[in-house]
């Protein structure tokens, strides 16, 4: 369901922010969303799941959509990208510290010093650079353009899994078709913008 994020964000930006993408942007967004869905398809041998847990991905899509809208509104009110990223990470830390006491012991973060801090530090640098770029693009462009292009990041994840996880991840026909749809959708959005 998270693959629908470009569509839900585009619909929210259309309704709440007054963005008016043309037919090429809508078509490109649909292709990107369909491609992202294709990347997540599993064969009949996939793990069984309880349909009542569908609520979690629905809440996730709603939360990410609301986050995209609030990010755009916030950057319109205060266009400082660094400020936006700092507030985002600071609020995440505050919520982690507040909510950890309600987590089962096995899921509580271990904040003791150790080797993991180096790995998470490097990860944090990459995430901060990514978030700075995303905030900057959101500041300068419409969400109906930025979010479908951002959703193309799944292609990088697919390439990385093919390179590093060959023994664990297989590229199936639905995954390959999804990748092609994402490339065409992203190209359509980018072509229309350029």
C-alpha atoms as a PDB file:
ATOM      1  CA  UNK A   1       0.000   0.000   0.000  1.00  0.00           C
ATOM      2  CA  UNK A   2       2.891   2.378   0.555  1.00  0.00           C
ATOM      3  CA  UNK A   3       3.314   2.264  -3.231  1.00  0.00           C
ATOM      4  CA  UNK A   4       0.180   4.430  -3.464  1.00  0.00           C
ATOM      5  CA  UNK A   5       1.949   7.304  -1.681  1.00  0.00           C
ATOM      6  CA  UNK A   6       2.619   9.292  -4.885  1.00  0.00           C
ATOM      7  CA  UNK A   7      -1.103   9.092  -5.693  1.00  0.00           C
ATOM      8  CA  UNK A   8      -2.374   9.923  -2.216  1.00  0.00           C
ATOM      9  CA  UNK A   9       0.057  12.830  -1.944  1.00  0.00           C
ATOM     10  CA  UNK A  10      -0.908  14.115  -5.403  1.00  0.00           C
ATOM     11  CA  UNK A  11      -4.608  13.921  -4.508  1.00  0.00           C
ATOM     12  CA  UNK A  12      -4.003  15.701  -1.186  1.00  0.00           C
ATOM     13  CA  UNK A  13      -1.840  18.374  -2.845  1.00  0.00           C
ATOM     14  CA  UNK A  14      -4.555  18.843  -5.466  1.00  0.00           C
ATOM     15  CA  UNK A  15      -7.304  19.172  -2.859  1.00  0.00           C
ATOM     16  CA  UNK A  16      -5.494  20.968  -0.028  1.00  0.00           C
ATOM     17  CA  UNK A  17      -2.702  22.979  -1.658  1.00  0.00           C
ATOM     18  CA  UNK A  18      -4.329  23.786  -4.981  1.00  0.00           C
ATOM     19  CA  UNK A  19      -1.624  22.143  -7.083  1.00  0.00           C
ATOM     20  CA  UNK A  20      -2.835  21.475 -10.612  1.00  0.00           C
ATOM     21  CA  UNK A  21      -0.697  18.860 -12.347  1.00  0.00           C
ATOM     22  CA  UNK A  22      -1.390  18.196 -15.991  1.00  0.00           C
ATOM     23  CA  UNK A  23      -2.335  14.847 -17.530  1.00  0.00           C
ATOM     24  CA  UNK A  24       1.304  13.860 -18.115  1.00  0.00           C
ATOM     25  CA  UNK A  25       2.142  14.324 -14.427  1.00  0.00           C
ATOM     26  CA  UNK A  26      -0.935  12.293 -13.395  1.00  0.00           C
ATOM     27  CA  UNK A  27      -0.041   9.557 -15.908  1.00  0.00           C
ATOM     28  CA  UNK A  28       3.583   9.488 -14.738  1.00  0.00           C
ATOM     29  CA  UNK A  29       2.443   9.342 -11.109  1.00  0.00           C
ATOM     30  CA  UNK A  30       0.138   6.417 -11.899  1.00  0.00           C
ATOM     31  CA  UNK A  31       2.977   4.566 -13.647  1.00  0.00           C
ATOM     32  CA  UNK A  32       5.352   5.151 -10.728  1.00  0.00           C
ATOM     33  CA  UNK A  33       2.742   3.950  -8.210  1.00  0.00           C
ATOM     34  CA  UNK A  34       1.939   0.886 -10.342  1.00  0.00           C
ATOM     35  CA  UNK A  35       5.642   0.142 -10.693  1.00  0.00           C
ATOM     36  CA  UNK A  36       6.208   0.441  -6.947  1.00  0.00           C
ATOM     37  CA  UNK A  37       3.302  -1.957  -6.420  1.00  0.00           C
ATOM     38  CA  UNK A  38       4.896  -4.349  -8.923  1.00  0.00           C
ATOM     39  CA  UNK A  39       8.119  -4.315  -6.930  1.00  0.00           C
ATOM     40  CA  UNK A  40       6.246  -5.553  -3.875  1.00  0.00           C
ATOM     41  CA  UNK A  41       4.343  -8.415  -5.524  1.00  0.00           C
ATOM     42  CA  UNK A  42       5.030 -11.843  -4.140  1.00  0.00           C
ATOM     43  CA  UNK A  43       4.109 -15.107  -5.717  1.00  0.00           C
ATOM     44  CA  UNK A  44       1.598 -17.504  -4.196  1.00  0.00           C
ATOM     45  CA  UNK A  45       4.407 -18.881  -2.067  1.00  0.00           C
ATOM     46  CA  UNK A  46       4.641 -15.611  -0.103  1.00  0.00           C
ATOM     47  CA  UNK A  47       4.042 -15.597   3.624  1.00  0.00           C
ATOM     48  CA  UNK A  48       0.435 -15.614   4.806  1.00  0.00           C
ATOM     49  CA  UNK A  49      -0.803 -12.539   6.626  1.00  0.00           C
ATOM     50  CA  UNK A  50      -3.823 -11.552   8.625  1.00  0.00           C
ATOM     51  CA  UNK A  51      -6.014  -8.997   6.806  1.00  0.00           C
ATOM     52  CA  UNK A  52      -6.755  -7.118  10.010  1.00  0.00           C
ATOM     53  CA  UNK A  53      -3.131  -5.949   9.962  1.00  0.00           C
ATOM     54  CA  UNK A  54      -3.971  -3.989   6.813  1.00  0.00           C
ATOM     55  CA  UNK A  55      -4.669  -1.079   9.162  1.00  0.00           C
ATOM     56  CA  UNK A  56      -0.926  -0.536   9.736  1.00  0.00           C
ATOM     57  CA  UNK A  57       0.028   0.162   6.117  1.00  0.00           C
ATOM     58  CA  UNK A  58      -3.113   2.283   5.692  1.00  0.00           C
ATOM     59  CA  UNK A  59      -2.091   4.381   8.693  1.00  0.00           C
ATOM     60  CA  UNK A  60       1.426   4.559   7.280  1.00  0.00           C
ATOM     61  CA  UNK A  61       0.197   5.897   3.929  1.00  0.00           C
ATOM     62  CA  UNK A  62      -2.035   8.427   5.696  1.00  0.00           C
ATOM     63  CA  UNK A  63       0.845   9.512   7.928  1.00  0.00           C
ATOM     64  CA  UNK A  64       3.338   9.883   5.083  1.00  0.00           C
ATOM     65  CA  UNK A  65       0.765  11.779   2.995  1.00  0.00           C
ATOM     66  CA  UNK A  66       0.045  14.145   5.889  1.00  0.00           C
ATOM     67  CA  UNK A  67       3.807  14.518   6.445  1.00  0.00           C
ATOM     68  CA  UNK A  68       4.317  15.528   2.810  1.00  0.00           C
ATOM     69  CA  UNK A  69       1.559  18.146   3.025  1.00  0.00           C
ATOM     70  CA  UNK A  70       2.816  19.502   6.371  1.00  0.00           C
ATOM     71  CA  UNK A  71       6.389  19.590   5.042  1.00  0.00           C
ATOM     72  CA  UNK A  72       5.276  21.714   2.077  1.00  0.00           C
ATOM     73  CA  UNK A  73       3.224  24.038   4.286  1.00  0.00           C
ATOM     74  CA  UNK A  74       6.108  24.338   6.760  1.00  0.00           C
ATOM     75  CA  UNK A  75       8.615  25.131   4.035  1.00  0.00           C
ATOM     76  CA  UNK A  76       6.266  27.751   2.650  1.00  0.00           C
ATOM     77  CA  UNK A  77       6.065  29.387   6.093  1.00  0.00           C
ATOM     78  CA  UNK A  78       9.814  29.034   6.786  1.00  0.00           C
ATOM     79  CA  UNK A  79      11.889  28.111   3.727  1.00  0.00           C
ATOM     80  CA  UNK A  80      14.965  27.086   5.752  1.00  0.00           C
ATOM     81  CA  UNK A  81      15.668  23.498   4.702  1.00  0.00           C
ATOM     82  CA  UNK A  82      18.207  22.966   7.494  1.00  0.00           C
ATOM     83  CA  UNK A  83      15.687  24.149  10.089  1.00  0.00           C
ATOM     84  CA  UNK A  84      13.063  21.732   8.738  1.00  0.00           C
ATOM     85  CA  UNK A  85      15.445  18.768   8.823  1.00  0.00           C
ATOM     86  CA  UNK A  86      16.645  19.686  12.316  1.00  0.00           C
ATOM     87  CA  UNK A  87      13.087  19.902  13.672  1.00  0.00           C
ATOM     88  CA  UNK A  88      12.206  16.584  11.994  1.00  0.00           C
ATOM     89  CA  UNK A  89      15.123  14.709  13.553  1.00  0.00           C
ATOM     90  CA  UNK A  90      14.757  16.411  16.929  1.00  0.00           C
ATOM     91  CA  UNK A  91      11.077  15.486  17.162  1.00  0.00           C
ATOM     92  CA  UNK A  92      11.930  11.895  16.174  1.00  0.00           C
ATOM     93  CA  UNK A  93      14.469  11.723  19.020  1.00  0.00           C
ATOM     94  CA  UNK A  94      11.997  13.189  21.519  1.00  0.00           C
ATOM     95  CA  UNK A  95       9.317  10.664  20.529  1.00  0.00           C
ATOM     96  CA  UNK A  96      11.813   7.806  20.730  1.00  0.00           C
ATOM     97  CA  UNK A  97      12.817   8.800  24.242  1.00  0.00           C
ATOM     98  CA  UNK A  98       9.201   9.285  25.355  1.00  0.00           C
ATOM     99  CA  UNK A  99       7.802   6.122  23.793  1.00  0.00           C
ATOM    100  CA  UNK A 100      10.612   3.687  24.605  1.00  0.00           C
ATOM    101  CA  UNK A 101       9.199   3.060  28.084  1.00  0.00           C
ATOM    102  CA  UNK A 102       5.996   1.728  26.491  1.00  0.00           C
ATOM    103  CA  UNK A 103       7.844  -0.683  24.205  1.00  0.00           C
ATOM    104  CA  UNK A 104       8.368  -4.336  25.073  1.00  0.00           C
ATOM    105  CA  UNK A 105      11.899  -4.805  26.458  1.00  0.00           C
ATOM    106  CA  UNK A 106      13.039  -6.665  23.330  1.00  0.00           C
ATOM    107  CA  UNK A 107      12.086  -3.659  21.158  1.00  0.00           C
ATOM    108  CA  UNK A 108      13.547  -0.892  23.290  1.00  0.00           C
ATOM    109  CA  UNK A 109      16.574   0.797  21.753  1.00  0.00           C
ATOM    110  CA  UNK A 110      19.905   0.007  23.352  1.00  0.00           C
ATOM    111  CA  UNK A 111      21.519   3.424  23.727  1.00  0.00           C
ATOM    112  CA  UNK A 112      24.734   2.140  25.292  1.00  0.00           C
ATOM    113  CA  UNK A 113      27.961   3.161  23.590  1.00  0.00           C
ATOM    114  CA  UNK A 114      29.449   0.686  21.136  1.00  0.00           C
ATOM    115  CA  UNK A 115      30.261  -0.191  17.556  1.00  0.00           C
ATOM    116  CA  UNK A 116      26.642   0.273  16.478  1.00  0.00           C
ATOM    117  CA  UNK A 117      26.974   4.042  16.963  1.00  0.00           C
ATOM    118  CA  UNK A 118      29.457   4.164  14.082  1.00  0.00           C
ATOM    119  CA  UNK A 119      27.101   2.331  11.734  1.00  0.00           C
ATOM    120  CA  UNK A 120      24.117   4.430  12.764  1.00  0.00           C
ATOM    121  CA  UNK A 121      26.232   7.565  12.489  1.00  0.00           C
ATOM    122  CA  UNK A 122      27.131   6.816   8.871  1.00  0.00           C
ATOM    123  CA  UNK A 123      23.513   5.884   8.186  1.00  0.00           C
ATOM    124  CA  UNK A 124      22.467   9.191   9.768  1.00  0.00           C
ATOM    125  CA  UNK A 125      24.793  11.114   7.461  1.00  0.00           C
ATOM    126  CA  UNK A 126      23.244   9.491   4.390  1.00  0.00           C
ATOM    127  CA  UNK A 127      19.726  10.032   5.746  1.00  0.00           C
ATOM    128  CA  UNK A 128      20.449  13.673   6.566  1.00  0.00           C
ATOM    129  CA  UNK A 129      21.816  14.319   3.073  1.00  0.00           C
ATOM    130  CA  UNK A 130      18.776  12.606   1.598  1.00  0.00           C
ATOM    131  CA  UNK A 131      16.374  14.554   3.782  1.00  0.00           C
ATOM    132  CA  UNK A 132      18.121  17.848   2.960  1.00  0.00           C
ATOM    133  CA  UNK A 133      17.712  17.097  -0.750  1.00  0.00           C
ATOM    134  CA  UNK A 134      14.085  16.080  -0.278  1.00  0.00           C
ATOM    135  CA  UNK A 135      13.246  19.200   1.753  1.00  0.00           C
ATOM    136  CA  UNK A 136      15.012  21.405  -0.814  1.00  0.00           C
ATOM    137  CA  UNK A 137      13.134  19.829  -3.713  1.00  0.00           C
ATOM    138  CA  UNK A 138       9.853  20.147  -1.806  1.00  0.00           C
ATOM    139  CA  UNK A 139      10.649  23.794  -1.099  1.00  0.00           C
ATOM    140  CA  UNK A 140      11.228  24.584  -4.776  1.00  0.00           C
ATOM    141  CA  UNK A 141       8.755  22.276  -6.524  1.00  0.00           C
ATOM    142  CA  UNK A 142       5.212  20.973  -6.398  1.00  0.00           C
ATOM    143  CA  UNK A 143       4.543  17.823  -4.390  1.00  0.00           C
ATOM    144  CA  UNK A 144       2.860  16.325  -7.444  1.00  0.00           C
ATOM    145  CA  UNK A 145       6.267  16.380  -9.135  1.00  0.00           C
ATOM    146  CA  UNK A 146       8.637  15.828  -6.213  1.00  0.00           C
ATOM    147  CA  UNK A 147       6.943  12.783  -4.646  1.00  0.00           C
ATOM    148  CA  UNK A 148       6.719  10.618  -7.819  1.00  0.00           C
ATOM    149  CA  UNK A 149      10.373  11.341  -8.555  1.00  0.00           C
ATOM    150  CA  UNK A 150      11.282  10.568  -4.944  1.00  0.00           C
ATOM    151  CA  UNK A 151       9.349   7.281  -5.224  1.00  0.00           C
ATOM    152  CA  UNK A 152      11.827   6.281  -7.919  1.00  0.00           C
ATOM    153  CA  UNK A 153      14.276   5.664  -5.055  1.00  0.00           C
ATOM    154  CA  UNK A 154      12.887   2.128  -4.979  1.00  0.00           C
ATOM    155  CA  UNK A 155      14.880   1.535  -8.174  1.00  0.00           C
ATOM    156  CA  UNK A 156      18.072   2.217  -6.225  1.00  0.00           C
ATOM    157  CA  UNK A 157      16.955  -0.193  -3.515  1.00  0.00           C
ATOM    158  CA  UNK A 158      16.221  -2.796  -6.194  1.00  0.00           C
ATOM    159  CA  UNK A 159      19.657  -2.315  -7.760  1.00  0.00           C
ATOM    160  CA  UNK A 160      21.347  -2.520  -4.354  1.00  0.00           C
ATOM    161  CA  UNK A 161      19.476  -5.715  -3.476  1.00  0.00           C
ATOM    162  CA  UNK A 162      20.463  -7.217  -6.827  1.00  0.00           C
ATOM    163  CA  UNK A 163      24.119  -6.343  -6.208  1.00  0.00           C
ATOM    164  CA  UNK A 164      24.424  -7.133  -2.495  1.00  0.00           C
ATOM    165  CA  UNK A 165      21.643  -9.623  -1.766  1.00  0.00           C
ATOM    166  CA  UNK A 166      21.657 -11.846  -4.842  1.00  0.00           C
ATOM    167  CA  UNK A 167      21.361 -14.990  -2.767  1.00  0.00           C
ATOM    168  CA  UNK A 168      18.378 -13.657  -0.794  1.00  0.00           C
ATOM    169  CA  UNK A 169      16.430 -11.530  -3.292  1.00  0.00           C
ATOM    170  CA  UNK A 170      15.327 -12.671  -6.721  1.00  0.00           C
ATOM    171  CA  UNK A 171      14.330 -10.370  -9.554  1.00  0.00           C
ATOM    172  CA  UNK A 172      11.008 -11.801 -10.759  1.00  0.00           C
ATOM    173  CA  UNK A 173       8.973 -10.742 -13.788  1.00  0.00           C
ATOM    174  CA  UNK A 174       6.580  -8.596 -11.716  1.00  0.00           C
ATOM    175  CA  UNK A 175       9.569  -6.875 -10.099  1.00  0.00           C
ATOM    176  CA  UNK A 176      11.221  -6.264 -13.476  1.00  0.00           C
ATOM    177  CA  UNK A 177       7.927  -4.974 -14.930  1.00  0.00           C
ATOM    178  CA  UNK A 178       7.534  -2.716 -11.895  1.00  0.00           C
ATOM    179  CA  UNK A 179      11.018  -1.301 -12.445  1.00  0.00           C
ATOM    180  CA  UNK A 180      10.194  -0.548 -16.086  1.00  0.00           C
ATOM    181  CA  UNK A 181       6.931   1.187 -15.093  1.00  0.00           C
ATOM    182  CA  UNK A 182       8.780   3.301 -12.516  1.00  0.00           C
ATOM    183  CA  UNK A 183      11.384   4.334 -15.108  1.00  0.00           C
ATOM    184  CA  UNK A 184       8.711   5.283 -17.670  1.00  0.00           C
ATOM    185  CA  UNK A 185       6.606   7.102 -15.058  1.00  0.00           C
ATOM    186  CA  UNK A 186       9.581   9.018 -13.705  1.00  0.00           C
ATOM    187  CA  UNK A 187      10.710   9.877 -17.221  1.00  0.00           C
ATOM    188  CA  UNK A 188       7.224  11.131 -18.061  1.00  0.00           C
ATOM    189  CA  UNK A 189       7.115  13.380 -14.978  1.00  0.00           C
ATOM    190  CA  UNK A 190      10.665  14.635 -15.540  1.00  0.00           C
ATOM    191  CA  UNK A 191      10.102  15.161 -19.277  1.00  0.00           C
ATOM    192  CA  UNK A 192       6.982  17.189 -18.616  1.00  0.00           C
ATOM    193  CA  UNK A 193       8.783  19.341 -16.062  1.00  0.00           C
ATOM    194  CA  UNK A 194      11.847  19.945 -18.233  1.00  0.00           C
END
